[in-house]
C-alpha atoms as a PDB file:
ATOM      1  CA  UNK A   1     -12.495   5.457   4.367  1.00  0.00           C
ATOM      2  CA  UNK A   2      -9.146   6.871   3.300  1.00  0.00           C
ATOM      3  CA  UNK A   3      -8.870   9.535   0.672  1.00  0.00           C
ATOM      4  CA  UNK A   4      -5.936  10.912  -1.268  1.00  0.00           C
ATOM      5  CA  UNK A   5      -2.497   9.415  -1.616  1.00  0.00           C
ATOM      6  CA  UNK A   6      -1.264   7.001   1.006  1.00  0.00           C
ATOM      7  CA  UNK A   7       2.282   7.833   2.089  1.00  0.00           C
ATOM      8  CA  UNK A   8       4.995   5.238   1.707  1.00  0.00           C
ATOM      9  CA  UNK A   9       6.390   3.500   4.762  1.00  0.00           C
ATOM     10  CA  UNK A  10       9.001   5.590   6.529  1.00  0.00           C
ATOM     11  CA  UNK A  11      11.633   2.917   5.931  1.00  0.00           C
ATOM     12  CA  UNK A  12      12.073  -0.486   4.328  1.00  0.00           C
ATOM     13  CA  UNK A  13      12.247  -2.395   7.624  1.00  0.00           C
ATOM     14  CA  UNK A  14       8.569  -3.284   7.435  1.00  0.00           C
ATOM     15  CA  UNK A  15       6.291  -5.700   5.654  1.00  0.00           C
ATOM     16  CA  UNK A  16       3.074  -4.101   4.460  1.00  0.00           C
ATOM     17  CA  UNK A  17      -0.484  -5.425   4.357  1.00  0.00           C
ATOM     18  CA  UNK A  18      -3.065  -3.325   2.546  1.00  0.00           C
ATOM     19  CA  UNK A  19      -6.676  -3.547   3.730  1.00  0.00           C
ATOM     20  CA  UNK A  20      -9.555  -3.059   1.306  1.00  0.00           C
ATOM     21  CA  UNK A  21     -13.276  -3.699   1.120  1.00  0.00           C
ATOM     22  CA  UNK A  22     -14.244  -2.255  -2.230  1.00  0.00           C
ATOM     23  CA  UNK A  23     -11.883   0.642  -1.613  1.00  0.00           C
ATOM     24  CA  UNK A  24      -8.681   1.149   0.336  1.00  0.00           C
ATOM     25  CA  UNK A  25      -9.347   1.066   4.082  1.00  0.00           C
ATOM     26  CA  UNK A  26      -5.855   1.123   5.509  1.00  0.00           C
ATOM     27  CA  UNK A  27      -2.397  -0.309   5.739  1.00  0.00           C
ATOM     28  CA  UNK A  28      -0.702  -2.289   8.504  1.00  0.00           C
ATOM     29  CA  UNK A  29       3.081  -2.370   8.845  1.00  0.00           C
ATOM     30  CA  UNK A  30       4.822  -5.328  10.500  1.00  0.00           C
ATOM     31  CA  UNK A  31       8.413  -5.655  11.594  1.00  0.00           C
ATOM     32  CA  UNK A  32      10.261  -8.575  13.121  1.00  0.00           C
ATOM     33  CA  UNK A  33      12.749  -7.648  15.801  1.00  0.00           C
ATOM     34  CA  UNK A  34      16.085  -9.418  15.716  1.00  0.00           C
ATOM     35  CA  UNK A  35      17.259 -11.177  18.828  1.00  0.00           C
ATOM     36  CA  UNK A  36      20.068  -9.273  20.537  1.00  0.00           C
ATOM     37  CA  UNK A  37      22.532 -12.146  20.064  1.00  0.00           C
ATOM     38  CA  UNK A  38      21.748 -12.714  16.356  1.00  0.00           C
ATOM     39  CA  UNK A  39      24.746 -10.840  14.932  1.00  0.00           C
ATOM     40  CA  UNK A  40      27.090 -12.537  17.411  1.00  0.00           C
ATOM     41  CA  UNK A  41      25.790 -15.971  16.357  1.00  0.00           C
ATOM     42  CA  UNK A  42      26.311 -15.139  12.673  1.00  0.00           C
ATOM     43  CA  UNK A  43      29.847 -13.939  13.409  1.00  0.00           C
ATOM     44  CA  UNK A  44      30.606 -17.199  15.235  1.00  0.00           C
ATOM     45  CA  UNK A  45      29.253 -19.279  12.335  1.00  0.00           C
ATOM     46  CA  UNK A  46      31.483 -17.344   9.939  1.00  0.00           C
ATOM     47  CA  UNK A  47      34.507 -17.864  12.220  1.00  0.00           C
ATOM     48  CA  UNK A  48      33.786 -21.604  11.944  1.00  0.00           C
ATOM     49  CA  UNK A  49      34.071 -21.235   8.173  1.00  0.00           C
ATOM     50  CA  UNK A  50      30.356 -21.552   7.459  1.00  0.00           C
ATOM     51  CA  UNK A  51      28.638 -19.465   4.819  1.00  0.00           C
ATOM     52  CA  UNK A  52      25.548 -17.683   6.147  1.00  0.00           C
ATOM     53  CA  UNK A  53      22.317 -17.144   4.234  1.00  0.00           C
ATOM     54  CA  UNK A  54      18.900 -15.718   5.114  1.00  0.00           C
ATOM     55  CA  UNK A  55      15.865 -17.105   3.267  1.00  0.00           C
ATOM     56  CA  UNK A  56      12.758 -14.934   3.543  1.00  0.00           C
ATOM     57  CA  UNK A  57       9.417 -14.339   1.910  1.00  0.00           C
ATOM     58  CA  UNK A  58       9.840 -10.650   2.551  1.00  0.00           C
ATOM     59  CA  UNK A  59      10.677  -7.880   0.086  1.00  0.00           C
ATOM     60  CA  UNK A  60      14.255  -7.494  -1.174  1.00  0.00           C
ATOM     61  CA  UNK A  61      14.570  -4.149   0.636  1.00  0.00           C
ATOM     62  CA  UNK A  62      13.707  -5.705   3.993  1.00  0.00           C
ATOM     63  CA  UNK A  63      16.054  -8.614   3.275  1.00  0.00           C
ATOM     64  CA  UNK A  64      18.891  -6.158   2.570  1.00  0.00           C
ATOM     65  CA  UNK A  65      18.324  -4.592   5.989  1.00  0.00           C
ATOM     66  CA  UNK A  66      18.727  -8.049   7.539  1.00  0.00           C
ATOM     67  CA  UNK A  67      21.944  -8.594   5.593  1.00  0.00           C
ATOM     68  CA  UNK A  68      23.340  -5.302   6.870  1.00  0.00           C
ATOM     69  CA  UNK A  69      22.294  -5.825  10.499  1.00  0.00           C
ATOM     70  CA  UNK A  70      23.360  -9.455  10.727  1.00  0.00           C
ATOM     71  CA  UNK A  71      26.415  -9.427   8.487  1.00  0.00           C
ATOM     72  CA  UNK A  72      25.301 -12.544   6.593  1.00  0.00           C
ATOM     73  CA  UNK A  73      26.905 -13.546   3.296  1.00  0.00           C
ATOM     74  CA  UNK A  74      23.722 -13.578   1.233  1.00  0.00           C
ATOM     75  CA  UNK A  75      19.948 -13.148   1.379  1.00  0.00           C
ATOM     76  CA  UNK A  76      17.173 -14.518  -0.834  1.00  0.00           C
ATOM     77  CA  UNK A  77      13.878 -12.630  -0.785  1.00  0.00           C
ATOM     78  CA  UNK A  78      10.299 -13.105  -2.039  1.00  0.00           C
ATOM     79  CA  UNK A  79      10.513 -16.869  -1.506  1.00  0.00           C
ATOM     80  CA  UNK A  80       7.413 -19.016  -1.245  1.00  0.00           C
ATOM     81  CA  UNK A  81       7.013 -22.145   0.900  1.00  0.00           C
ATOM     82  CA  UNK A  82       8.527 -25.082  -0.919  1.00  0.00           C
ATOM     83  CA  UNK A  83      11.175 -23.061  -2.757  1.00  0.00           C
END
């Protein structure tokens, strides 16, 4: 069982899952690694005149990190399947 305040994630690159069974038991942080060629592919798409967009169910902060790393035109965060 955890007691006291739970520190925030060290950065916004992670998705968080909180675990509880009556009380807070823990937190798991997940992060997707980008493929090494991802930025190069985005740059090529933009050279072809295509607008680039990332659609994600993740938090806006994590989506902003993707925008910065990939150089995409826009990101949409907190999306649900079917949106």
